[in-house]
C-alpha atoms as a PDB file:
ATOM      1  CA  MET A   1      13.946   0.757 -17.885  1.00  0.00           C
ATOM      2  CA  LEU A   2      13.411   3.159 -15.011  1.00  0.00           C
ATOM      3  CA  ILE A   3      15.209   3.376 -11.672  1.00  0.00           C
ATOM      4  CA  VAL A   4      12.915   4.410  -8.846  1.00  0.00           C
ATOM      5  CA  GLY A   5      13.718   5.019  -5.201  1.00  0.00           C
ATOM      6  CA  ASP A   6      12.008   5.692  -1.878  1.00  0.00           C
ATOM      7  CA  ILE A   7      14.673   7.518   0.141  1.00  0.00           C
ATOM      8  CA  GLY A   8      14.279   7.508   3.911  1.00  0.00           C
ATOM      9  CA  GLY A   9      16.422   8.358   6.887  1.00  0.00           C
ATOM     10  CA  THR A  10      16.496   4.733   8.040  1.00  0.00           C
ATOM     11  CA  LYS A  11      16.169   2.698   4.859  1.00  0.00           C
ATOM     12  CA  THR A  12      16.099   3.240   1.119  1.00  0.00           C
ATOM     13  CA  ALA A  13      14.270   1.098  -1.423  1.00  0.00           C
ATOM     14  CA  LEU A  14      15.643   1.068  -4.971  1.00  0.00           C
ATOM     15  CA  ALA A  15      13.880  -0.677  -7.821  1.00  0.00           C
ATOM     16  CA  VAL A  16      13.949  -1.081 -11.589  1.00  0.00           C
ATOM     17  CA  TYR A  17      10.674  -0.908 -13.524  1.00  0.00           C
ATOM     18  CA  ASP A  18       9.702  -1.734 -17.086  1.00  0.00           C
ATOM     19  CA  PRO A  19       7.117   0.865 -18.240  1.00  0.00           C
ATOM     20  CA  GLU A  20       5.364  -1.807 -20.276  1.00  0.00           C
ATOM     21  CA  ILE A  21       4.860  -4.010 -17.214  1.00  0.00           C
ATOM     22  CA  GLY A  22       3.804  -1.148 -14.952  1.00  0.00           C
ATOM     23  CA  ALA A  23       4.341   0.058 -11.385  1.00  0.00           C
ATOM     24  CA  ARG A  24       3.020  -3.000  -9.590  1.00  0.00           C
ATOM     25  CA  GLN A  25       5.796  -5.369 -10.547  1.00  0.00           C
ATOM     26  CA  PRO A  26       9.416  -4.180 -10.293  1.00  0.00           C
ATOM     27  CA  VAL A  27      11.943  -6.064 -12.371  1.00  0.00           C
ATOM     28  CA  LYS A  28      14.443  -5.805  -9.517  1.00  0.00           C
ATOM     29  CA  LYS A  29      14.244  -4.331  -6.014  1.00  0.00           C
ATOM     30  CA  LYS A  30      16.594  -4.033  -3.070  1.00  0.00           C
ATOM     31  CA  ILE A  31      16.391  -2.428   0.381  1.00  0.00           C
ATOM     32  CA  TYR A  32      19.465  -0.642   1.753  1.00  0.00           C
ATOM     33  CA  PRO A  33      20.252   0.752   5.227  1.00  0.00           C
ATOM     34  CA  SER A  34      20.591   4.458   4.407  1.00  0.00           C
ATOM     35  CA  GLY A  35      23.055   5.310   7.169  1.00  0.00           C
ATOM     36  CA  LYS A  36      25.694   2.903   5.865  1.00  0.00           C
ATOM     37  CA  TYR A  37      26.247   4.941   2.694  1.00  0.00           C
ATOM     38  CA  ALA A  38      27.939   8.305   2.314  1.00  0.00           C
ATOM     39  CA  SER A  39      25.511   9.394  -0.402  1.00  0.00           C
ATOM     40  CA  LEU A  40      22.695   8.242  -2.636  1.00  0.00           C
ATOM     41  CA  GLU A  41      25.162   8.244  -5.533  1.00  0.00           C
ATOM     42  CA  ALA A  42      27.306   5.689  -3.697  1.00  0.00           C
ATOM     43  CA  MET A  43      24.279   3.491  -3.101  1.00  0.00           C
ATOM     44  CA  LEU A  44      23.169   3.786  -6.739  1.00  0.00           C
ATOM     45  CA  LYS A  45      26.641   2.820  -7.947  1.00  0.00           C
ATOM     46  CA  GLU A  46      26.337  -0.442  -6.048  1.00  0.00           C
ATOM     47  CA  PHE A  47      22.746  -1.040  -7.187  1.00  0.00           C
ATOM     48  CA  VAL A  48      23.425  -0.340 -10.878  1.00  0.00           C
ATOM     49  CA  LYS A  49      26.204  -2.948 -10.963  1.00  0.00           C
ATOM     50  CA  ASP A  50      23.519  -5.629 -10.727  1.00  0.00           C
ATOM     51  CA  VAL A  51      21.200  -4.017 -13.300  1.00  0.00           C
ATOM     52  CA  ASP A  52      21.934  -5.336 -16.770  1.00  0.00           C
ATOM     53  CA  GLU A  53      19.491  -2.994 -18.482  1.00  0.00           C
ATOM     54  CA  GLN A  54      19.588   0.379 -20.230  1.00  0.00           C
ATOM     55  CA  ILE A  55      18.244   3.028 -17.856  1.00  0.00           C
ATOM     56  CA  THR A  56      16.307   5.851 -19.534  1.00  0.00           C
ATOM     57  CA  GLN A  57      14.937   7.841 -16.561  1.00  0.00           C
ATOM     58  CA  ALA A  58      14.986   7.882 -12.758  1.00  0.00           C
ATOM     59  CA  CYS A  59      12.631   9.133 -10.058  1.00  0.00           C
ATOM     60  CA  PHE A  60      13.286   9.395  -6.328  1.00  0.00           C
ATOM     61  CA  GLY A  61      10.882  10.149  -3.525  1.00  0.00           C
ATOM     62  CA  VAL A  62      12.725  11.815  -0.642  1.00  0.00           C
ATOM     63  CA  ALA A  63      11.726  12.067   3.016  1.00  0.00           C
ATOM     64  CA  GLY A  64      12.307  15.801   3.167  1.00  0.00           C
ATOM     65  CA  PRO A  65      11.524  19.035   1.305  1.00  0.00           C
ATOM     66  CA  VAL A  66      12.587  19.321  -2.345  1.00  0.00           C
ATOM     67  CA  LEU A  67      13.575  22.869  -3.304  1.00  0.00           C
ATOM     68  CA  ASP A  68      15.370  23.994  -6.473  1.00  0.00           C
ATOM     69  CA  ASP A  69      16.022  20.397  -7.573  1.00  0.00           C
ATOM     70  CA  GLN A  70      17.747  19.636  -4.289  1.00  0.00           C
ATOM     71  CA  ALA A  71      16.655  17.764  -1.179  1.00  0.00           C
ATOM     72  CA  ARG A  72      17.954  17.119   2.295  1.00  0.00           C
ATOM     73  CA  VAL A  73      16.814  13.895   3.878  1.00  0.00           C
ATOM     74  CA  THR A  74      15.371  14.440   7.331  1.00  0.00           C
ATOM     75  CA  ASN A  75      17.448  12.510   9.913  1.00  0.00           C
ATOM     76  CA  LEU A  76      20.258  11.865   7.388  1.00  0.00           C
ATOM     77  CA  SER A  77      23.287  13.893   6.303  1.00  0.00           C
ATOM     78  CA  TRP A  78      22.728  13.387   2.570  1.00  0.00           C
ATOM     79  CA  VAL A  79      22.228  16.301   0.201  1.00  0.00           C
ATOM     80  CA  ILE A  80      20.481  14.969  -2.901  1.00  0.00           C
ATOM     81  CA  GLN A  81      20.933  16.968  -6.099  1.00  0.00           C
ATOM     82  CA  LYS A  82      19.147  16.241  -9.336  1.00  0.00           C
ATOM     83  CA  ASP A  83      22.133  17.054 -11.583  1.00  0.00           C
ATOM     84  CA  SER A  84      24.529  14.957  -9.501  1.00  0.00           C
ATOM     85  CA  LEU A  85      22.216  11.946  -9.659  1.00  0.00           C
ATOM     86  CA  SER A  86      21.812  12.380 -13.401  1.00  0.00           C
ATOM     87  CA  ARG A  87      25.594  12.325 -13.875  1.00  0.00           C
ATOM     88  CA  ALA A  88      25.895   9.236 -11.670  1.00  0.00           C
ATOM     89  CA  LEU A  89      23.361   7.469 -13.895  1.00  0.00           C
ATOM     90  CA  GLY A  90      25.003   8.399 -17.185  1.00  0.00           C
ATOM     91  CA  GLY A  91      23.091  11.589 -17.921  1.00  0.00           C
ATOM     92  CA  VAL A  92      19.515  10.263 -17.851  1.00  0.00           C
ATOM     93  CA  PRO A  93      16.653  12.593 -16.782  1.00  0.00           C
ATOM     94  CA  VAL A  94      16.038  12.492 -13.014  1.00  0.00           C
ATOM     95  CA  TRP A  95      12.933  13.543 -11.088  1.00  0.00           C
ATOM     96  CA  LEU A  96      12.978  14.413  -7.381  1.00  0.00           C
ATOM     97  CA  LEU A  97       9.759  14.213  -5.392  1.00  0.00           C
ATOM     98  CA  ASN A  98       8.896  14.757  -1.761  1.00  0.00           C
ATOM     99  CA  ASP A  99       7.930  11.380  -0.234  1.00  0.00           C
ATOM    100  CA  LEU A 100       4.350  12.542   0.336  1.00  0.00           C
ATOM    101  CA  GLY A 101       4.274  13.759  -3.248  1.00  0.00           C
ATOM    102  CA  SER A 102       5.298  10.234  -4.227  1.00  0.00           C
ATOM    103  CA  ILE A 103       2.440   8.704  -2.240  1.00  0.00           C
ATOM    104  CA  ALA A 104      -0.008  11.206  -3.721  1.00  0.00           C
ATOM    105  CA  ASN A 105       1.058  10.412  -7.288  1.00  0.00           C
ATOM    106  CA  GLY A 106       0.130   6.774  -6.751  1.00  0.00           C
ATOM    107  CA  ILE A 107      -3.360   7.396  -5.358  1.00  0.00           C
ATOM    108  CA  PRO A 108      -5.182   7.534  -8.739  1.00  0.00           C
ATOM    109  CA  PHE A 109      -3.704   4.108  -9.542  1.00  0.00           C
ATOM    110  CA  LEU A 110      -4.554   2.325  -6.283  1.00  0.00           C
ATOM    111  CA  GLU A 111      -6.979  -0.577  -6.449  1.00  0.00           C
ATOM    112  CA  ASP A 112      -9.756  -1.463  -4.010  1.00  0.00           C
ATOM    113  CA  SER A 113      -7.511  -4.034  -2.328  1.00  0.00           C
ATOM    114  CA  ASP A 114      -4.980  -1.274  -1.594  1.00  0.00           C
ATOM    115  CA  LEU A 115      -7.466   0.668   0.528  1.00  0.00           C
ATOM    116  CA  GLU A 116      -9.588   0.346   3.647  1.00  0.00           C
ATOM    117  CA  THR A 117     -12.480   2.795   3.678  1.00  0.00           C
ATOM    118  CA  ILE A 118     -13.310   4.055   7.150  1.00  0.00           C
ATOM    119  CA  HIS A 119     -15.931   6.557   5.976  1.00  0.00           C
ATOM    120  CA  ALA A 120     -17.633   6.146   2.594  1.00  0.00           C
ATOM    121  CA  GLY A 121     -18.884   9.711   2.248  1.00  0.00           C
ATOM    122  CA  GLU A 122     -19.772  11.151  -1.156  1.00  0.00           C
ATOM    123  CA  SER A 123     -16.738  11.758  -3.356  1.00  0.00           C
ATOM    124  CA  VAL A 124     -16.947  14.719  -5.747  1.00  0.00           C
ATOM    125  CA  GLU A 125     -15.554  13.923  -9.198  1.00  0.00           C
ATOM    126  CA  HIS A 126     -12.262  15.744  -9.769  1.00  0.00           C
ATOM    127  CA  GLY A 127     -12.453  17.224  -6.268  1.00  0.00           C
ATOM    128  CA  ALA A 128      -9.223  17.986  -4.430  1.00  0.00           C
ATOM    129  CA  ILE A 129      -7.641  15.082  -2.520  1.00  0.00           C
ATOM    130  CA  ALA A 130      -5.842  15.306   0.836  1.00  0.00           C
ATOM    131  CA  VAL A 131      -3.040  12.971   1.952  1.00  0.00           C
ATOM    132  CA  ILE A 132      -1.869  12.798   5.552  1.00  0.00           C
ATOM    133  CA  ALA A 133       0.684  10.206   6.589  1.00  0.00           C
ATOM    134  CA  PRO A 134       1.847   9.557  10.149  1.00  0.00           C
ATOM    135  CA  GLY A 135       4.971   7.416   9.963  1.00  0.00           C
ATOM    136  CA  THR A 136       8.287   8.286  11.575  1.00  0.00           C
ATOM    137  CA  GLY A 137       7.250  11.908  10.966  1.00  0.00           C
ATOM    138  CA  LEU A 138       3.968  13.452   9.842  1.00  0.00           C
ATOM    139  CA  GLY A 139       3.706  14.115   6.123  1.00  0.00           C
ATOM    140  CA  GLU A 140       0.988  16.042   4.337  1.00  0.00           C
ATOM    141  CA  ALA A 141       0.265  16.637   0.652  1.00  0.00           C
ATOM    142  CA  PHE A 142      -2.675  17.274  -1.617  1.00  0.00           C
ATOM    143  CA  MET A 143      -3.786  16.759  -5.205  1.00  0.00           C
ATOM    144  CA  THR A 144      -5.766  18.937  -7.591  1.00  0.00           C
ATOM    145  CA  TRP A 145      -7.307  18.193 -10.984  1.00  0.00           C
ATOM    146  CA  ASN A 146      -5.601  20.127 -13.789  1.00  0.00           C
ATOM    147  CA  GLY A 147      -8.142  19.326 -16.474  1.00  0.00           C
ATOM    148  CA  THR A 148      -6.617  16.050 -17.653  1.00  0.00           C
ATOM    149  CA  ARG A 149      -5.128  14.385 -14.568  1.00  0.00           C
ATOM    150  CA  TYR A 150      -4.458  14.821 -10.868  1.00  0.00           C
ATOM    151  CA  GLN A 151      -1.358  16.828  -9.997  1.00  0.00           C
ATOM    152  CA  ALA A 152       0.374  16.301  -6.643  1.00  0.00           C
ATOM    153  CA  HIS A 153       1.477  19.183  -4.430  1.00  0.00           C
ATOM    154  CA  PRO A 154       3.873  18.477  -1.537  1.00  0.00           C
ATOM    155  CA  SER A 155       3.882  20.449   1.691  1.00  0.00           C
ATOM    156  CA  GLU A 156       5.509  20.556   5.100  1.00  0.00           C
ATOM    157  CA  GLY A 157       2.144  20.830   6.829  1.00  0.00           C
ATOM    158  CA  GLY A 158       3.153  18.382   9.542  1.00  0.00           C
ATOM    159  CA  HIS A 159       5.371  21.099  11.011  1.00  0.00           C
ATOM    160  CA  VAL A 160       2.662  23.723  11.556  1.00  0.00           C
ATOM    161  CA  ASP A 161       1.675  24.712  15.093  1.00  0.00           C
ATOM    162  CA  PHE A 162      -0.205  22.085  17.067  1.00  0.00           C
ATOM    163  CA  ALA A 163      -3.635  23.527  17.888  1.00  0.00           C
ATOM    164  CA  PRO A 164      -5.086  21.722  20.918  1.00  0.00           C
ATOM    165  CA  SER A 165      -8.751  20.784  20.973  1.00  0.00           C
ATOM    166  CA  GLY A 166     -10.224  20.338  24.422  1.00  0.00           C
ATOM    167  CA  PRO A 167      -8.703  20.458  27.910  1.00  0.00           C
ATOM    168  CA  THR A 168      -6.566  17.300  27.623  1.00  0.00           C
ATOM    169  CA  GLN A 169      -4.844  18.488  24.463  1.00  0.00           C
ATOM    170  CA  LEU A 170      -4.358  21.912  26.026  1.00  0.00           C
ATOM    171  CA  GLU A 171      -2.611  20.225  28.951  1.00  0.00           C
ATOM    172  CA  LEU A 172      -0.521  18.310  26.417  1.00  0.00           C
ATOM    173  CA  LEU A 173       0.582  21.535  24.732  1.00  0.00           C
ATOM    174  CA  ASN A 174       1.535  23.039  28.091  1.00  0.00           C
ATOM    175  CA  PHE A 175       3.536  19.885  28.838  1.00  0.00           C
ATOM    176  CA  MET A 176       5.302  19.911  25.471  1.00  0.00           C
ATOM    177  CA  ALA A 177       6.081  23.615  25.047  1.00  0.00           C
ATOM    178  CA  PRO A 178       8.869  23.836  27.669  1.00  0.00           C
ATOM    179  CA  ARG A 179      10.488  20.764  26.140  1.00  0.00           C
ATOM    180  CA  PHE A 180      10.445  21.764  22.481  1.00  0.00           C
ATOM    181  CA  GLY A 181       9.607  25.449  22.238  1.00  0.00           C
ATOM    182  CA  HIS A 182       7.729  25.046  18.974  1.00  0.00           C
ATOM    183  CA  VAL A 183       5.228  22.198  19.217  1.00  0.00           C
ATOM    184  CA  SER A 184       4.225  20.990  15.763  1.00  0.00           C
ATOM    185  CA  TYR A 185       1.683  18.347  14.838  1.00  0.00           C
ATOM    186  CA  GLU A 186       4.593  16.024  14.074  1.00  0.00           C
ATOM    187  CA  ARG A 187       5.624  16.242  17.746  1.00  0.00           C
ATOM    188  CA  VAL A 188       2.288  14.736  18.803  1.00  0.00           C
ATOM    189  CA  CYS A 189       1.025  12.797  15.768  1.00  0.00           C
ATOM    190  CA  SER A 190       3.759  10.556  14.383  1.00  0.00           C
ATOM    191  CA  GLY A 191       6.094   7.733  15.298  1.00  0.00           C
ATOM    192  CA  THR A 192       8.377  10.232  17.011  1.00  0.00           C
ATOM    193  CA  GLY A 193       5.359  11.861  18.643  1.00  0.00           C
ATOM    194  CA  LEU A 194       3.641   8.817  20.137  1.00  0.00           C
ATOM    195  CA  PRO A 195       6.164   8.449  22.997  1.00  0.00           C
ATOM    196  CA  ASN A 196       5.570  12.129  23.811  1.00  0.00           C
ATOM    197  CA  LEU A 197       1.872  11.373  24.326  1.00  0.00           C
ATOM    198  CA  TYR A 198       2.764   8.429  26.539  1.00  0.00           C
ATOM    199  CA  ASP A 199       5.166  10.538  28.627  1.00  0.00           C
ATOM    200  CA  PHE A 200       2.512  13.234  29.011  1.00  0.00           C
ATOM    201  CA  LEU A 201      -0.095  10.792  30.311  1.00  0.00           C
ATOM    202  CA  LEU A 202       2.460   9.188  32.607  1.00  0.00           C
ATOM    203  CA  TYR A 203       3.506  12.592  33.947  1.00  0.00           C
ATOM    204  CA  SER A 204      -0.148  13.558  34.513  1.00  0.00           C
ATOM    205  CA  GLY A 205      -0.422  10.839  37.149  1.00  0.00           C
ATOM    206  CA  LYS A 206      -3.860   9.836  35.905  1.00  0.00           C
ATOM    207  CA  TYR A 207      -2.794   6.392  34.739  1.00  0.00           C
ATOM    208  CA  GLU A 208      -0.587   3.763  36.309  1.00  0.00           C
ATOM    209  CA  GLU A 209       2.268   2.231  34.345  1.00  0.00           C
ATOM    210  CA  PRO A 210       2.501  -1.556  34.777  1.00  0.00           C
ATOM    211  CA  ASP A 211       5.983  -2.783  35.656  1.00  0.00           C
ATOM    212  CA  TRP A 212       6.013  -5.208  32.724  1.00  0.00           C
ATOM    213  CA  LEU A 213       5.251  -2.378  30.292  1.00  0.00           C
ATOM    214  CA  ARG A 214       8.055  -0.169  31.629  1.00  0.00           C
ATOM    215  CA  GLU A 215      10.428  -3.126  31.399  1.00  0.00           C
ATOM    216  CA  HIS A 216       9.503  -3.735  27.759  1.00  0.00           C
ATOM    217  CA  ILE A 217       9.866  -0.041  26.891  1.00  0.00           C
ATOM    218  CA  ASP A 218      13.278   0.185  28.550  1.00  0.00           C
ATOM    219  CA  GLN A 219      14.508  -2.847  26.604  1.00  0.00           C
ATOM    220  CA  THR A 220      13.826  -1.423  23.146  1.00  0.00           C
ATOM    221  CA  ASP A 221      15.107   1.452  21.016  1.00  0.00           C
ATOM    222  CA  ASP A 222      11.604   2.005  19.600  1.00  0.00           C
ATOM    223  CA  PRO A 223       8.804   2.015  22.192  1.00  0.00           C
ATOM    224  CA  ASN A 224       6.025   2.491  19.631  1.00  0.00           C
ATOM    225  CA  PRO A 225       5.369  -1.183  18.813  1.00  0.00           C
ATOM    226  CA  VAL A 226       5.306  -1.960  22.537  1.00  0.00           C
ATOM    227  CA  ILE A 227       2.825   0.821  23.308  1.00  0.00           C
ATOM    228  CA  VAL A 228       0.602   0.075  20.311  1.00  0.00           C
ATOM    229  CA  LYS A 229       0.567  -3.677  20.987  1.00  0.00           C
ATOM    230  CA  ALA A 230      -0.384  -3.124  24.634  1.00  0.00           C
ATOM    231  CA  ALA A 231      -3.146  -0.750  23.531  1.00  0.00           C
ATOM    232  CA  LEU A 232      -4.566  -3.040  20.850  1.00  0.00           C
ATOM    233  CA  GLU A 233      -4.580  -5.978  23.262  1.00  0.00           C
ATOM    234  CA  GLY A 234      -6.178  -3.901  26.025  1.00  0.00           C
ATOM    235  CA  ARG A 235      -3.452  -4.811  28.492  1.00  0.00           C
ATOM    236  CA  ALA A 236      -2.602  -1.360  29.866  1.00  0.00           C
ATOM    237  CA  GLU A 237      -4.933   1.609  30.237  1.00  0.00           C
ATOM    238  CA  ILE A 238      -2.096   4.115  29.795  1.00  0.00           C
ATOM    239  CA  ALA A 239      -1.267   2.576  26.412  1.00  0.00           C
ATOM    240  CA  GLU A 240      -4.930   2.567  25.388  1.00  0.00           C
ATOM    241  CA  GLN A 241      -5.297   6.222  26.334  1.00  0.00           C
ATOM    242  CA  THR A 242      -2.082   7.100  24.495  1.00  0.00           C
ATOM    243  CA  LEU A 243      -3.426   5.585  21.301  1.00  0.00           C
ATOM    244  CA  ALA A 244      -6.843   7.171  21.831  1.00  0.00           C
ATOM    245  CA  LEU A 245      -5.216  10.593  22.177  1.00  0.00           C
ATOM    246  CA  PHE A 246      -3.139   9.955  19.038  1.00  0.00           C
ATOM    247  CA  VAL A 247      -6.259   9.015  17.040  1.00  0.00           C
ATOM    248  CA  SER A 248      -8.105  12.090  18.279  1.00  0.00           C
ATOM    249  CA  ILE A 249      -5.253  14.413  17.244  1.00  0.00           C
ATOM    250  CA  LEU A 250      -4.920  12.697  13.854  1.00  0.00           C
ATOM    251  CA  GLY A 251      -8.653  13.042  13.230  1.00  0.00           C
ATOM    252  CA  GLY A 252      -8.545  16.721  14.081  1.00  0.00           C
ATOM    253  CA  GLU A 253      -5.573  17.499  11.843  1.00  0.00           C
ATOM    254  CA  ALA A 254      -6.987  15.402   8.970  1.00  0.00           C
ATOM    255  CA  GLY A 255     -10.122  17.529   9.239  1.00  0.00           C
ATOM    256  CA  ASN A 256      -8.005  20.711   9.280  1.00  0.00           C
ATOM    257  CA  LEU A 257      -6.198  19.673   6.092  1.00  0.00           C
ATOM    258  CA  THR A 258      -9.504  18.770   4.454  1.00  0.00           C
ATOM    259  CA  LEU A 259     -10.906  22.236   5.118  1.00  0.00           C
ATOM    260  CA  LYS A 260      -7.745  24.030   3.979  1.00  0.00           C
ATOM    261  CA  ILE A 261      -7.873  22.512   0.504  1.00  0.00           C
ATOM    262  CA  LEU A 262     -11.601  21.635   0.451  1.00  0.00           C
ATOM    263  CA  ALA A 263     -10.784  17.976  -0.202  1.00  0.00           C
ATOM    264  CA  THR A 264     -14.141  16.902  -1.584  1.00  0.00           C
ATOM    265  CA  GLY A 265     -12.390  14.130  -3.527  1.00  0.00           C
ATOM    266  CA  GLY A 266     -11.444  12.347  -0.311  1.00  0.00           C
ATOM    267  CA  VAL A 267      -8.817  12.008   2.383  1.00  0.00           C
ATOM    268  CA  TYR A 268      -6.163   9.280   2.291  1.00  0.00           C
ATOM    269  CA  LEU A 269      -4.276   8.224   5.415  1.00  0.00           C
ATOM    270  CA  GLY A 270      -0.804   6.948   4.518  1.00  0.00           C
ATOM    271  CA  GLY A 271       2.342   6.145   6.458  1.00  0.00           C
ATOM    272  CA  GLY A 272       3.191   3.108   8.529  1.00  0.00           C
ATOM    273  CA  ILE A 273       0.918   3.726  11.511  1.00  0.00           C
ATOM    274  CA  PRO A 274      -2.693   3.817  10.174  1.00  0.00           C
ATOM    275  CA  PRO A 275      -2.744   0.230   8.800  1.00  0.00           C
ATOM    276  CA  ARG A 276      -1.597  -1.018  12.216  1.00  0.00           C
ATOM    277  CA  ILE A 277      -4.377   0.724  14.142  1.00  0.00           C
ATOM    278  CA  LEU A 278      -7.340   0.164  11.828  1.00  0.00           C
ATOM    279  CA  PRO A 279      -9.726  -0.894  14.645  1.00  0.00           C
ATOM    280  CA  GLN A 280      -9.130   2.426  16.430  1.00  0.00           C
ATOM    281  CA  LEU A 281      -9.502   4.445  13.226  1.00  0.00           C
ATOM    282  CA  LYS A 282     -12.772   2.678  12.381  1.00  0.00           C
ATOM    283  CA  ALA A 283     -14.152   3.353  15.868  1.00  0.00           C
ATOM    284  CA  PRO A 284     -16.308   6.502  16.268  1.00  0.00           C
ATOM    285  CA  ALA A 285     -13.624   8.699  17.897  1.00  0.00           C
ATOM    286  CA  PHE A 286     -11.613   9.389  14.723  1.00  0.00           C
ATOM    287  CA  MET A 287     -14.554  10.594  12.640  1.00  0.00           C
ATOM    288  CA  GLU A 288     -16.008  12.507  15.588  1.00  0.00           C
ATOM    289  CA  THR A 289     -12.891  14.655  15.792  1.00  0.00           C
ATOM    290  CA  PHE A 290     -12.533  14.765  11.994  1.00  0.00           C
ATOM    291  CA  VAL A 291     -15.944  16.405  11.534  1.00  0.00           C
ATOM    292  CA  ALA A 292     -15.898  18.558  14.695  1.00  0.00           C
ATOM    293  CA  LYS A 293     -15.427  21.838  12.820  1.00  0.00           C
ATOM    294  CA  GLY A 294     -18.447  23.810  13.929  1.00  0.00           C
ATOM    295  CA  ARG A 295     -20.373  25.311  11.027  1.00  0.00           C
ATOM    296  CA  PHE A 296     -18.447  23.191   8.509  1.00  0.00           C
ATOM    297  CA  SER A 297     -19.149  19.812  10.095  1.00  0.00           C
ATOM    298  CA  GLU A 298     -21.806  19.028   7.495  1.00  0.00           C
ATOM    299  CA  ILE A 299     -19.273  19.432   4.670  1.00  0.00           C
ATOM    300  CA  LEU A 300     -16.761  17.156   6.401  1.00  0.00           C
ATOM    301  CA  GLU A 301     -19.379  14.459   6.976  1.00  0.00           C
ATOM    302  CA  LYS A 302     -19.604  14.045   3.182  1.00  0.00           C
ATOM    303  CA  VAL A 303     -15.837  13.597   2.636  1.00  0.00           C
ATOM    304  CA  PRO A 304     -14.673   9.984   2.077  1.00  0.00           C
ATOM    305  CA  VAL A 305     -11.790   8.808   4.264  1.00  0.00           C
ATOM    306  CA  HIS A 306      -9.528   5.886   3.281  1.00  0.00           C
ATOM    307  CA  VAL A 307      -6.480   4.177   4.755  1.00  0.00           C
ATOM    308  CA  ILE A 308      -3.750   3.226   2.256  1.00  0.00           C
ATOM    309  CA  LEU A 309      -2.821  -0.420   2.790  1.00  0.00           C
ATOM    310  CA  HIS A 310      -0.244  -0.689  -0.002  1.00  0.00           C
ATOM    311  CA  PRO A 311       2.981  -1.622   1.844  1.00  0.00           C
ATOM    312  CA  GLU A 312       5.218   0.464  -0.435  1.00  0.00           C
ATOM    313  CA  ALA A 313       2.968   3.346  -1.364  1.00  0.00           C
ATOM    314  CA  ALA A 314       5.809   5.877  -1.804  1.00  0.00           C
ATOM    315  CA  LEU A 315       7.828   3.596  -4.099  1.00  0.00           C
ATOM    316  CA  PHE A 316       4.678   2.697  -6.044  1.00  0.00           C
ATOM    317  CA  GLY A 317       3.736   6.356  -6.446  1.00  0.00           C
ATOM    318  CA  ALA A 318       7.215   7.346  -7.604  1.00  0.00           C
ATOM    319  CA  ALA A 319       7.086   4.508 -10.143  1.00  0.00           C
ATOM    320  CA  CYS A 320       3.669   5.698 -11.379  1.00  0.00           C
ATOM    321  CA  TYR A 321       5.078   9.196 -11.836  1.00  0.00           C
ATOM    322  CA  ALA A 322       8.205   7.937 -13.642  1.00  0.00           C
ATOM    323  CA  ILE A 323       6.170   5.750 -15.989  1.00  0.00           C
ATOM    324  CA  GLU A 324       3.874   8.652 -16.795  1.00  0.00           C
ATOM    325  CA  MET A 325       6.856  10.893 -17.551  1.00  0.00           C
ATOM    326  CA  GLU A 326       8.387   8.159 -19.708  1.00  0.00           C
ATOM    327  CA  HIS A 327       5.197   7.786 -21.739  1.00  0.00           C
ATOM    328  CA  ASN A 328       4.941  11.568 -22.173  1.00  0.00           C
ATOM    329  CA  SER A 329       8.571  12.015 -23.261  1.00  0.00           C
END
């Protein structure tokens, strides 16, 4: 049996998998509030008490960079160390993956029902694959073919400099720079970034904010669902324009990532936001900004673009990786 985890700053999913059954059906799974535990080891100790199985390997996808077999979870005080986890689990082999690396590892095993294609394109066999995932933050990863299988490569591409396209985005950068100093794509294209777009449009004075919308925003700790719902229902122009700006920035950065790795095998949009805004992503604006790369627009027009619908793509991908390692051991 394998223990697999998707470790996030807000919540952590732990699951047990039988390699013979596969990654789609965990034997046991539980969701924990991450902040209530002093460490991942403490959480695992509680989880393992209920697991009456022999554990042979473990794999954890972590929302943060993994360097030298160690990871720090963004927005959490945990320091996750491979050797420490192995000792906590009785000495079994442990694999640490970046959360986007986890998602990427599951892509070759996704089924048609796990995806929504927003641009069919012409996929090149064994071509590089790009993964961009706006959730709480903005994650980016890519995959290359090594001759026998796809190999995932994590990155921290969501933290590169935001490069505005057009006058509105230039105004956005000028609005954001005094606030943050360094303005990354994550600041403007993620769950933490969406309220920044809203504040910018409100500050611009171009759009009125309905009283009911301000009341709803003030009554919640997370304004994103309020803004997105108002936009999808067409109830407030400022919300609609916020989402339109978000989609435009996402399309531009997805195109940037595609060019950087020449992702002729396709682009996959992960994270929690894309499945919720499918109508906006399938509208012309996303692909217009995706392909707007001057002399290389023709190449981008041929690249397939998919939205990952699997609700636990990171956990699924980590399980796929663990099962593969188990079979190869």
